[in-house]
Amino acid sequence: MGTLRSLYKKNEPITVMTAHDFPSAHVADAAGMDMILVGDSLAMVALGMADTNEVTVDDMLLHCKSVARATKGAFTVSCHFSIVDFGETNSAKIGDLPMGSYEISPEQAIATAIRFVKEGRVQSVKLEGGKEMAPTIKKITQAGIPVLAHVGLTPQRQHALGGFRVQGKTVKGALGVLEDALAVQEAGCFAMVLEAVPAEVARVITHKLSVPTIGIGAGNGCSGQVLVQVDMSGNFPLGRFIPKFVKQFGNVWAESFRAIESYRQEVKSRQYPAPEHTYPIPKEELEAFIKETDKI
């Protein structure tokens, strides 16, 4: 793949995908994702939690390490952190800082970010928030750790926002998202996730910035797109809530169900394991063994 710098300069969309363990990271990397995000969405899709607010730093670090084992590649940062170069061949790994691990102070955020890089083996961290988090982003980048910002709908703050609501639907709201975007850019983020914003608003904001926007529910005018892998791959049965902006590109649930159901049926009917799935023993050895068992 090209670097983020060249992709952005060429106006070529940047592909981002979440992963939460070795298999999901391995397939995302093999499929050529430009960036892999260990999102705090793993709280729901991997750990069965109600929302992202329950996941802890230790939870995230365990999953970051699992993802890191499936991906590899060089990582360098341009001098002003404006665009990050993650190497020419492999996906960049980004860890999502969970709620409660960075909001208290910039010092807390730096300490958490350092743990993600040293223990979680990620190359960058992501945190939610706009202009109020700009000082924190600046401190982290000054410490040498690249930051992917997140503005618009910020799921960790859903309760304060009145739930998962689209942001920027009014002039005041749209200007607020733009102000947040400009603030985190000025603070030094190399890119930002723009979530649940009207497509037209996201397109204008993207054109006002000098760093990439990674859209999720923000239309195709962004610099790139990100989706939760479990959602877009169809890992759960129909009926489970899927956000409006998600397109299901596969049906992993159906294929897994078919395979497991077939396995159950073949075991019950003794079709499996068949002779080709077993290990042979010389006839004379078997006969000798049976004679020995007769003495027991």
C-alpha atoms as a PDB file:
ATOM      1  CA  MET A   1       0.000   0.000   0.000  1.00  0.00           C
ATOM      2  CA  GLY A   2       1.032   3.632  -0.253  1.00  0.00           C
ATOM      3  CA  THR A   3       1.721   5.712   2.814  1.00  0.00           C
ATOM      4  CA  LEU A   4      -0.998   7.845   4.344  1.00  0.00           C
ATOM      5  CA  ARG A   5       0.896  10.863   3.112  1.00  0.00           C
ATOM      6  CA  SER A   6       0.775   9.786  -0.522  1.00  0.00           C
ATOM      7  CA  LEU A   7      -2.815   8.561  -0.266  1.00  0.00           C
ATOM      8  CA  TYR A   8      -3.950  11.877   1.146  1.00  0.00           C
ATOM      9  CA  LYS A   9      -2.012  13.911  -1.396  1.00  0.00           C
ATOM     10  CA  LYS A  10      -3.454  11.837  -4.247  1.00  0.00           C
ATOM     11  CA  ASN A  11      -6.956  12.158  -2.785  1.00  0.00           C
ATOM     12  CA  GLU A  12      -7.119   8.359  -2.703  1.00  0.00           C
ATOM     13  CA  PRO A  13      -9.522   7.147   0.015  1.00  0.00           C
ATOM     14  CA  ILE A  14      -7.863   5.708   3.124  1.00  0.00           C
ATOM     15  CA  THR A  15      -9.246   2.361   4.272  1.00  0.00           C
ATOM     16  CA  VAL A  16      -9.567   1.713   7.992  1.00  0.00           C
ATOM     17  CA  MET A  17     -10.985  -1.355   9.706  1.00  0.00           C
ATOM     18  CA  THR A  18     -11.395  -2.349  13.343  1.00  0.00           C
ATOM     19  CA  ALA A  19      -9.919  -5.568  14.694  1.00  0.00           C
ATOM     20  CA  HIS A  20     -10.004  -6.984  18.198  1.00  0.00           C
ATOM     21  CA  ASP A  21      -7.967 -10.200  18.084  1.00  0.00           C
ATOM     22  CA  PHE A  22      -5.363 -12.083  16.050  1.00  0.00           C
ATOM     23  CA  PRO A  23      -7.748 -13.572  13.428  1.00  0.00           C
ATOM     24  CA  SER A  24      -9.634 -10.327  12.751  1.00  0.00           C
ATOM     25  CA  ALA A  25      -6.379  -8.362  12.493  1.00  0.00           C
ATOM     26  CA  HIS A  26      -4.775 -11.011  10.293  1.00  0.00           C
ATOM     27  CA  VAL A  27      -7.568 -10.915   7.722  1.00  0.00           C
ATOM     28  CA  ALA A  28      -7.786  -7.107   7.756  1.00  0.00           C
ATOM     29  CA  ASP A  29      -4.043  -6.824   7.199  1.00  0.00           C
ATOM     30  CA  ALA A  30      -4.055  -9.484   4.470  1.00  0.00           C
ATOM     31  CA  ALA A  31      -6.936  -7.703   2.704  1.00  0.00           C
ATOM     32  CA  GLY A  32      -4.826  -4.549   2.469  1.00  0.00           C
ATOM     33  CA  MET A  33      -6.304  -2.184   5.024  1.00  0.00           C
ATOM     34  CA  ASP A  34      -4.294   1.032   5.334  1.00  0.00           C
ATOM     35  CA  MET A  35      -4.959   1.319   9.069  1.00  0.00           C
ATOM     36  CA  ILE A  36      -6.217  -1.131  11.676  1.00  0.00           C
ATOM     37  CA  LEU A  37      -8.008   0.318  14.693  1.00  0.00           C
ATOM     38  CA  VAL A  38      -8.317  -1.633  17.922  1.00  0.00           C
ATOM     39  CA  GLY A  39     -11.551   0.140  18.724  1.00  0.00           C
ATOM     40  CA  ASP A  40     -13.229   0.244  22.108  1.00  0.00           C
ATOM     41  CA  SER A  41     -16.229  -1.175  20.224  1.00  0.00           C
ATOM     42  CA  LEU A  42     -14.668  -4.514  21.144  1.00  0.00           C
ATOM     43  CA  ALA A  43     -16.504  -4.009  24.432  1.00  0.00           C
ATOM     44  CA  MET A  44     -19.732  -4.968  22.682  1.00  0.00           C
ATOM     45  CA  VAL A  45     -18.592  -7.123  19.757  1.00  0.00           C
ATOM     46  CA  ALA A  46     -15.950  -9.197  21.564  1.00  0.00           C
ATOM     47  CA  LEU A  47     -16.728  -8.955  25.282  1.00  0.00           C
ATOM     48  CA  GLY A  48     -20.527  -8.748  25.258  1.00  0.00           C
ATOM     49  CA  MET A  49     -20.685  -5.498  27.222  1.00  0.00           C
ATOM     50  CA  ALA A  50     -23.584  -3.055  26.988  1.00  0.00           C
ATOM     51  CA  ASP A  51     -21.495  -0.169  25.638  1.00  0.00           C
ATOM     52  CA  THR A  52     -17.937   1.075  25.263  1.00  0.00           C
ATOM     53  CA  ASN A  53     -17.910   2.751  28.672  1.00  0.00           C
ATOM     54  CA  GLU A  54     -17.415  -0.582  30.471  1.00  0.00           C
ATOM     55  CA  VAL A  55     -14.136  -1.561  28.817  1.00  0.00           C
ATOM     56  CA  THR A  56     -10.921  -1.014  30.793  1.00  0.00           C
ATOM     57  CA  VAL A  57      -7.346  -0.147  29.899  1.00  0.00           C
ATOM     58  CA  ASP A  58      -6.244  -3.698  30.706  1.00  0.00           C
ATOM     59  CA  ASP A  59      -8.986  -5.086  28.443  1.00  0.00           C
ATOM     60  CA  MET A  60      -7.816  -2.850  25.614  1.00  0.00           C
ATOM     61  CA  LEU A  61      -4.135  -3.688  26.100  1.00  0.00           C
ATOM     62  CA  LEU A  62      -4.805  -7.422  25.910  1.00  0.00           C
ATOM     63  CA  HIS A  63      -6.621  -6.988  22.602  1.00  0.00           C
ATOM     64  CA  CYS A  64      -4.057  -4.521  21.247  1.00  0.00           C
ATOM     65  CA  LYS A  65      -1.304  -7.075  21.827  1.00  0.00           C
ATOM     66  CA  SER A  66      -3.335  -9.751  20.057  1.00  0.00           C
ATOM     67  CA  VAL A  67      -3.867  -7.484  17.049  1.00  0.00           C
ATOM     68  CA  ALA A  68      -0.207  -6.423  16.992  1.00  0.00           C
ATOM     69  CA  ARG A  69       0.901 -10.044  16.641  1.00  0.00           C
ATOM     70  CA  ALA A  70      -1.003 -10.297  13.348  1.00  0.00           C
ATOM     71  CA  THR A  71       0.421  -7.165  11.727  1.00  0.00           C
ATOM     72  CA  LYS A  72       3.875  -5.789  11.130  1.00  0.00           C
ATOM     73  CA  GLY A  73       5.579  -2.897   9.427  1.00  0.00           C
ATOM     74  CA  ALA A  74       7.692   0.211   9.869  1.00  0.00           C
ATOM     75  CA  PHE A  75       6.367   3.365  11.466  1.00  0.00           C
ATOM     76  CA  THR A  76       7.654   6.894  11.120  1.00  0.00           C
ATOM     77  CA  VAL A  77       6.115  10.257  11.882  1.00  0.00           C
ATOM     78  CA  SER A  78       6.658  13.497  10.041  1.00  0.00           C
ATOM     79  CA  CYS A  79       8.139  16.310  12.099  1.00  0.00           C
ATOM     80  CA  HIS A  80       4.891  18.135  12.793  1.00  0.00           C
ATOM     81  CA  PHE A  81       2.690  15.027  13.104  1.00  0.00           C
ATOM     82  CA  SER A  82       0.549  16.388  10.291  1.00  0.00           C
ATOM     83  CA  ILE A  83       0.621  13.190   8.253  1.00  0.00           C
ATOM     84  CA  VAL A  84       1.814   9.837   9.526  1.00  0.00           C
ATOM     85  CA  ASP A  85       3.836   7.420   7.401  1.00  0.00           C
ATOM     86  CA  PHE A  86       3.157   3.842   8.466  1.00  0.00           C
ATOM     87  CA  GLY A  87       5.464   2.215   5.934  1.00  0.00           C
ATOM     88  CA  GLU A  88       4.928   0.956   2.428  1.00  0.00           C
ATOM     89  CA  THR A  89       3.545  -2.517   2.934  1.00  0.00           C
ATOM     90  CA  ASN A  90       1.614  -3.033   6.147  1.00  0.00           C
ATOM     91  CA  SER A  91      -1.274  -1.596   8.099  1.00  0.00           C
ATOM     92  CA  ALA A  92      -0.791   0.895  10.882  1.00  0.00           C
ATOM     93  CA  LYS A  93      -2.067  -0.207  14.300  1.00  0.00           C
ATOM     94  CA  ILE A  94      -4.024   2.275  16.413  1.00  0.00           C
ATOM     95  CA  GLY A  95      -5.303   1.716  19.950  1.00  0.00           C
ATOM     96  CA  ASP A  96      -8.488   3.349  21.244  1.00  0.00           C
ATOM     97  CA  LEU A  97      -8.072   4.927  24.688  1.00  0.00           C
ATOM     98  CA  PRO A  98     -11.097   3.857  26.768  1.00  0.00           C
ATOM     99  CA  MET A  99     -13.306   6.166  28.782  1.00  0.00           C
ATOM    100  CA  GLY A 100     -11.709   7.243  32.048  1.00  0.00           C
ATOM    101  CA  SER A 101      -8.126   6.727  30.909  1.00  0.00           C
ATOM    102  CA  TYR A 102      -7.340  10.181  29.508  1.00  0.00           C
ATOM    103  CA  GLU A 103      -9.943  12.780  30.546  1.00  0.00           C
ATOM    104  CA  ILE A 104      -8.661  13.653  34.036  1.00  0.00           C
ATOM    105  CA  SER A 105      -5.505  15.402  32.883  1.00  0.00           C
ATOM    106  CA  PRO A 106      -3.007  15.505  30.018  1.00  0.00           C
ATOM    107  CA  GLU A 107      -0.552  13.720  32.314  1.00  0.00           C
ATOM    108  CA  GLN A 108      -2.980  10.833  32.775  1.00  0.00           C
ATOM    109  CA  ALA A 109      -3.497  10.693  29.017  1.00  0.00           C
ATOM    110  CA  ILE A 110       0.245  10.613  28.299  1.00  0.00           C
ATOM    111  CA  ALA A 111       0.750   7.821  30.828  1.00  0.00           C
ATOM    112  CA  THR A 112      -2.044   5.774  29.239  1.00  0.00           C
ATOM    113  CA  ALA A 113      -0.786   6.438  25.719  1.00  0.00           C
ATOM    114  CA  ILE A 114       2.717   5.304  26.689  1.00  0.00           C
ATOM    115  CA  ARG A 115       1.296   2.035  28.030  1.00  0.00           C
ATOM    116  CA  PHE A 116      -0.559   1.479  24.748  1.00  0.00           C
ATOM    117  CA  VAL A 117       2.647   1.930  22.756  1.00  0.00           C
ATOM    118  CA  LYS A 118       4.955  -0.042  25.084  1.00  0.00           C
ATOM    119  CA  GLU A 119       2.605  -2.792  26.252  1.00  0.00           C
ATOM    120  CA  GLY A 120      -0.070  -2.796  23.567  1.00  0.00           C
ATOM    121  CA  ARG A 121       2.493  -2.518  20.744  1.00  0.00           C
ATOM    122  CA  VAL A 122       0.357  -0.038  18.784  1.00  0.00           C
ATOM    123  CA  GLN A 123       1.842   2.811  16.770  1.00  0.00           C
ATOM    124  CA  SER A 124      -0.721   5.471  17.595  1.00  0.00           C
ATOM    125  CA  VAL A 125      -3.632   6.143  19.933  1.00  0.00           C
ATOM    126  CA  LYS A 126      -7.141   7.442  19.358  1.00  0.00           C
ATOM    127  CA  LEU A 127      -9.173   9.527  21.753  1.00  0.00           C
ATOM    128  CA  GLU A 128     -12.567  11.205  21.595  1.00  0.00           C
ATOM    129  CA  GLY A 129     -13.340  14.887  21.986  1.00  0.00           C
ATOM    130  CA  GLY A 130     -12.979  18.230  20.274  1.00  0.00           C
ATOM    131  CA  LYS A 131     -11.589  21.547  21.413  1.00  0.00           C
ATOM    132  CA  GLU A 132     -11.785  20.580  25.087  1.00  0.00           C
ATOM    133  CA  MET A 133      -9.342  17.732  24.389  1.00  0.00           C
ATOM    134  CA  ALA A 134      -6.954  19.800  22.247  1.00  0.00           C
ATOM    135  CA  PRO A 135      -4.487  20.470  25.113  1.00  0.00           C
ATOM    136  CA  THR A 136      -4.365  16.731  25.818  1.00  0.00           C
ATOM    137  CA  ILE A 137      -3.757  15.864  22.162  1.00  0.00           C
ATOM    138  CA  LYS A 138      -0.978  18.439  22.023  1.00  0.00           C
ATOM    139  CA  LYS A 139       0.731  16.953  25.087  1.00  0.00           C
ATOM    140  CA  ILE A 140       0.560  13.403  23.725  1.00  0.00           C
ATOM    141  CA  THR A 141       1.955  14.379  20.321  1.00  0.00           C
ATOM    142  CA  GLN A 142       4.711  16.391  21.992  1.00  0.00           C
ATOM    143  CA  ALA A 143       5.625  13.203  23.830  1.00  0.00           C
ATOM    144  CA  GLY A 144       6.207  11.574  20.447  1.00  0.00           C
ATOM    145  CA  ILE A 145       2.997   9.556  20.181  1.00  0.00           C
ATOM    146  CA  PRO A 146       0.758  10.233  17.148  1.00  0.00           C
ATOM    147  CA  VAL A 147      -2.922  10.831  17.855  1.00  0.00           C
ATOM    148  CA  LEU A 148      -5.984   9.993  15.785  1.00  0.00           C
ATOM    149  CA  ALA A 149      -8.695  12.372  17.008  1.00  0.00           C
ATOM    150  CA  HIS A 150     -12.449  11.694  17.012  1.00  0.00           C
ATOM    151  CA  VAL A 151     -15.096  14.410  16.632  1.00  0.00           C
ATOM    152  CA  GLY A 152     -18.781  14.591  15.775  1.00  0.00           C
ATOM    153  CA  LEU A 153     -20.643  11.836  17.577  1.00  0.00           C
ATOM    154  CA  THR A 154     -18.388  10.620  20.386  1.00  0.00           C
ATOM    155  CA  PRO A 155     -19.846   7.334  21.686  1.00  0.00           C
ATOM    156  CA  GLN A 156     -18.049   7.508  25.039  1.00  0.00           C
ATOM    157  CA  ARG A 157     -20.080  10.666  25.729  1.00  0.00           C
ATOM    158  CA  GLN A 158     -23.396   9.356  24.467  1.00  0.00           C
ATOM    159  CA  HIS A 159     -25.159  10.063  27.763  1.00  0.00           C
ATOM    160  CA  ALA A 160     -24.189  13.727  27.640  1.00  0.00           C
ATOM    161  CA  LEU A 161     -25.280  13.899  24.000  1.00  0.00           C
ATOM    162  CA  GLY A 162     -28.671  12.361  24.695  1.00  0.00           C
ATOM    163  CA  GLY A 163     -27.780   9.074  23.058  1.00  0.00           C
ATOM    164  CA  PHE A 164     -26.348   8.145  19.676  1.00  0.00           C
ATOM    165  CA  ARG A 165     -27.511  11.242  17.813  1.00  0.00           C
ATOM    166  CA  VAL A 166     -26.335  12.705  14.514  1.00  0.00           C
ATOM    167  CA  GLN A 167     -24.221  15.808  15.091  1.00  0.00           C
ATOM    168  CA  GLY A 168     -24.066  18.957  12.955  1.00  0.00           C
ATOM    169  CA  LYS A 169     -27.665  19.023  11.700  1.00  0.00           C
ATOM    170  CA  THR A 170     -28.040  22.757  12.397  1.00  0.00           C
ATOM    171  CA  VAL A 171     -25.840  25.735  11.546  1.00  0.00           C
ATOM    172  CA  LYS A 172     -24.764  25.971  15.184  1.00  0.00           C
ATOM    173  CA  GLY A 173     -24.131  22.262  15.414  1.00  0.00           C
ATOM    174  CA  ALA A 174     -22.183  22.082  12.156  1.00  0.00           C
ATOM    175  CA  LEU A 175     -20.028  25.054  13.160  1.00  0.00           C
ATOM    176  CA  GLY A 176     -19.367  23.332  16.471  1.00  0.00           C
ATOM    177  CA  VAL A 177     -18.096  20.201  14.717  1.00  0.00           C
ATOM    178  CA  LEU A 178     -15.901  22.354  12.464  1.00  0.00           C
ATOM    179  CA  GLU A 179     -14.493  24.226  15.472  1.00  0.00           C
ATOM    180  CA  ASP A 180     -13.683  20.899  17.126  1.00  0.00           C
ATOM    181  CA  ALA A 181     -12.019  19.624  13.953  1.00  0.00           C
ATOM    182  CA  LEU A 182      -9.877  22.744  13.579  1.00  0.00           C
ATOM    183  CA  ALA A 183      -8.909  22.608  17.256  1.00  0.00           C
ATOM    184  CA  VAL A 184      -7.712  18.988  17.199  1.00  0.00           C
ATOM    185  CA  GLN A 185      -5.873  19.633  13.941  1.00  0.00           C
ATOM    186  CA  GLU A 186      -4.093  22.597  15.504  1.00  0.00           C
ATOM    187  CA  ALA A 187      -3.255  20.397  18.505  1.00  0.00           C
ATOM    188  CA  GLY A 188      -1.322  18.051  16.228  1.00  0.00           C
ATOM    189  CA  CYS A 189      -3.513  15.059  15.404  1.00  0.00           C
ATOM    190  CA  PHE A 190      -2.430  13.314  12.199  1.00  0.00           C
ATOM    191  CA  ALA A 191      -6.041  12.554  11.220  1.00  0.00           C
ATOM    192  CA  MET A 192      -9.477  12.458  12.768  1.00  0.00           C
ATOM    193  CA  VAL A 193     -12.519  10.208  12.789  1.00  0.00           C
ATOM    194  CA  LEU A 194     -15.646  12.132  11.818  1.00  0.00           C
ATOM    195  CA  GLU A 195     -18.690  10.230  13.062  1.00  0.00           C
ATOM    196  CA  ALA A 196     -22.433  10.611  12.397  1.00  0.00           C
ATOM    197  CA  VAL A 197     -22.325  13.956  10.619  1.00  0.00           C
ATOM    198  CA  PRO A 198     -24.419  14.867   7.542  1.00  0.00           C
ATOM    199  CA  ALA A 199     -22.441  14.055   4.401  1.00  0.00           C
ATOM    200  CA  GLU A 200     -22.555  17.608   3.076  1.00  0.00           C
ATOM    201  CA  VAL A 201     -21.262  19.007   6.362  1.00  0.00           C
ATOM    202  CA  ALA A 202     -18.496  16.392   6.526  1.00  0.00           C
ATOM    203  CA  ARG A 203     -17.429  17.247   2.978  1.00  0.00           C
ATOM    204  CA  VAL A 204     -17.114  20.958   3.816  1.00  0.00           C
ATOM    205  CA  ILE A 205     -15.186  20.204   7.010  1.00  0.00           C
ATOM    206  CA  THR A 206     -12.828  17.867   5.141  1.00  0.00           C
ATOM    207  CA  HIS A 207     -12.050  20.611   2.609  1.00  0.00           C
ATOM    208  CA  LYS A 208     -11.305  23.068   5.426  1.00  0.00           C
ATOM    209  CA  LEU A 209      -8.677  20.779   6.966  1.00  0.00           C
ATOM    210  CA  SER A 210      -5.098  19.902   6.086  1.00  0.00           C
ATOM    211  CA  VAL A 211      -5.230  16.439   7.714  1.00  0.00           C
ATOM    212  CA  PRO A 212      -7.354  13.447   6.655  1.00  0.00           C
ATOM    213  CA  THR A 213     -10.856  12.801   7.931  1.00  0.00           C
ATOM    214  CA  ILE A 214     -11.907   9.188   8.409  1.00  0.00           C
ATOM    215  CA  GLY A 215     -15.649   9.001   8.070  1.00  0.00           C
ATOM    216  CA  ILE A 216     -18.086   6.679   9.781  1.00  0.00           C
ATOM    217  CA  GLY A 217     -21.640   7.654   9.004  1.00  0.00           C
ATOM    218  CA  ALA A 218     -20.327  10.866   7.437  1.00  0.00           C
ATOM    219  CA  GLY A 219     -20.610  10.228   3.692  1.00  0.00           C
ATOM    220  CA  ASN A 220     -18.010   9.597   1.007  1.00  0.00           C
ATOM    221  CA  GLY A 221     -16.616  13.124   0.959  1.00  0.00           C
ATOM    222  CA  CYS A 222     -14.230  12.246   3.784  1.00  0.00           C
ATOM    223  CA  SER A 223     -10.586  11.327   3.182  1.00  0.00           C
ATOM    224  CA  GLY A 224     -11.278   7.722   4.135  1.00  0.00           C
ATOM    225  CA  GLN A 225     -13.726   5.370   5.812  1.00  0.00           C
ATOM    226  CA  VAL A 226     -13.794   3.122   8.877  1.00  0.00           C
ATOM    227  CA  LEU A 227     -16.243   0.401   9.885  1.00  0.00           C
ATOM    228  CA  VAL A 228     -16.464  -2.084  12.734  1.00  0.00           C
ATOM    229  CA  GLN A 229     -15.368  -5.354  11.145  1.00  0.00           C
ATOM    230  CA  VAL A 230     -17.930  -7.479  12.956  1.00  0.00           C
ATOM    231  CA  ASP A 231     -20.748  -5.253  11.677  1.00  0.00           C
ATOM    232  CA  MET A 232     -19.689  -5.131   8.028  1.00  0.00           C
ATOM    233  CA  SER A 233     -18.787  -8.838   7.891  1.00  0.00           C
ATOM    234  CA  GLY A 234     -22.139  -9.971   9.295  1.00  0.00           C
ATOM    235  CA  ASN A 235     -20.809 -11.849  12.311  1.00  0.00           C
ATOM    236  CA  PHE A 236     -24.142 -11.718  14.134  1.00  0.00           C
ATOM    237  CA  PRO A 237     -27.622 -12.916  13.093  1.00  0.00           C
ATOM    238  CA  LEU A 238     -30.218 -10.682  11.490  1.00  0.00           C
ATOM    239  CA  GLY A 239     -32.150  -8.744  14.085  1.00  0.00           C
ATOM    240  CA  ARG A 240     -29.108  -7.482  15.974  1.00  0.00           C
ATOM    241  CA  PHE A 241     -28.913  -3.686  15.834  1.00  0.00           C
ATOM    242  CA  ILE A 242     -26.694  -2.368  13.063  1.00  0.00           C
ATOM    243  CA  PRO A 243     -26.231   1.390  12.544  1.00  0.00           C
ATOM    244  CA  LYS A 244     -27.809   2.925   9.441  1.00  0.00           C
ATOM    245  CA  PHE A 245     -24.441   3.741   7.911  1.00  0.00           C
ATOM    246  CA  VAL A 246     -23.203   0.142   7.930  1.00  0.00           C
ATOM    247  CA  LYS A 247     -23.285  -1.933   4.758  1.00  0.00           C
ATOM    248  CA  GLN A 248     -22.938  -5.663   5.354  1.00  0.00           C
ATOM    249  CA  PHE A 249     -20.412  -6.978   2.850  1.00  0.00           C
ATOM    250  CA  GLY A 250     -20.638 -10.575   4.045  1.00  0.00           C
ATOM    251  CA  ASN A 251     -22.548 -13.044   6.203  1.00  0.00           C
ATOM    252  CA  VAL A 252     -20.041 -14.675   8.521  1.00  0.00           C
ATOM    253  CA  TRP A 253     -22.822 -15.732  10.900  1.00  0.00           C
ATOM    254  CA  ALA A 254     -24.595 -17.785   8.229  1.00  0.00           C
ATOM    255  CA  GLU A 255     -21.410 -19.511   7.080  1.00  0.00           C
ATOM    256  CA  SER A 256     -20.283 -20.250  10.639  1.00  0.00           C
ATOM    257  CA  PHE A 257     -23.740 -21.535  11.568  1.00  0.00           C
ATOM    258  CA  ARG A 258     -23.813 -23.777   8.479  1.00  0.00           C
ATOM    259  CA  ALA A 259     -20.383 -25.215   9.267  1.00  0.00           C
ATOM    260  CA  ILE A 260     -21.093 -25.842  12.947  1.00  0.00           C
ATOM    261  CA  GLU A 261     -24.501 -27.341  12.238  1.00  0.00           C
ATOM    262  CA  SER A 262     -22.939 -29.681   9.660  1.00  0.00           C
ATOM    263  CA  TYR A 263     -20.277 -30.700  12.159  1.00  0.00           C
ATOM    264  CA  ARG A 264     -22.919 -31.492  14.773  1.00  0.00           C
ATOM    265  CA  GLN A 265     -24.927 -33.599  12.337  1.00  0.00           C
ATOM    266  CA  GLU A 266     -21.896 -35.569  11.135  1.00  0.00           C
ATOM    267  CA  VAL A 267     -20.753 -36.282  14.677  1.00  0.00           C
ATOM    268  CA  LYS A 268     -24.235 -37.455  15.671  1.00  0.00           C
ATOM    269  CA  SER A 269     -24.422 -39.746  12.624  1.00  0.00           C
ATOM    270  CA  ARG A 270     -20.801 -40.914  13.057  1.00  0.00           C
ATOM    271  CA  GLN A 271     -19.909 -39.640   9.584  1.00  0.00           C
ATOM    272  CA  TYR A 272     -17.146 -37.637  11.215  1.00  0.00           C
ATOM    273  CA  PRO A 273     -14.381 -38.419  11.818  1.00  0.00           C
ATOM    274  CA  ALA A 274     -14.012 -40.506   8.654  1.00  0.00           C
ATOM    275  CA  PRO A 275     -11.012 -42.865   8.097  1.00  0.00           C
ATOM    276  CA  GLU A 276      -9.071 -40.098   6.357  1.00  0.00           C
ATOM    277  CA  HIS A 277      -9.223 -38.047   9.549  1.00  0.00           C
ATOM    278  CA  THR A 278      -7.643 -40.761  11.739  1.00  0.00           C
ATOM    279  CA  TYR A 279      -4.128 -42.137  12.243  1.00  0.00           C
ATOM    280  CA  PRO A 280      -3.308 -45.728  11.114  1.00  0.00           C
ATOM    281  CA  ILE A 281      -1.631 -48.458  13.129  1.00  0.00           C
ATOM    282  CA  PRO A 282       0.051 -51.554  11.601  1.00  0.00           C
ATOM    283  CA  LYS A 283      -2.291 -54.566  11.639  1.00  0.00           C
ATOM    284  CA  GLU A 284       0.103 -56.749  13.614  1.00  0.00           C
ATOM    285  CA  GLU A 285       0.550 -54.039  16.246  1.00  0.00           C
ATOM    286  CA  LEU A 286      -3.173 -53.678  16.623  1.00  0.00           C
ATOM    287  CA  GLU A 287      -3.654 -57.439  16.975  1.00  0.00           C
ATOM    288  CA  ALA A 288      -0.910 -57.594  19.579  1.00  0.00           C
ATOM    289  CA  PHE A 289      -2.463 -54.683  21.474  1.00  0.00           C
ATOM    290  CA  ILE A 290      -5.872 -56.384  21.518  1.00  0.00           C
ATOM    291  CA  LYS A 291      -4.313 -59.593  22.860  1.00  0.00           C
ATOM    292  CA  GLU A 292      -2.680 -57.591  25.651  1.00  0.00           C
ATOM    293  CA  THR A 293      -5.996 -55.983  26.551  1.00  0.00           C
ATOM    294  CA  ASP A 294      -7.541 -59.432  26.919  1.00  0.00           C
ATOM    295  CA  LYS A 295      -5.202 -59.980  29.890  1.00  0.00           C
ATOM    296  CA  ILE A 296      -6.511 -56.914  31.684  1.00  0.00           C
END
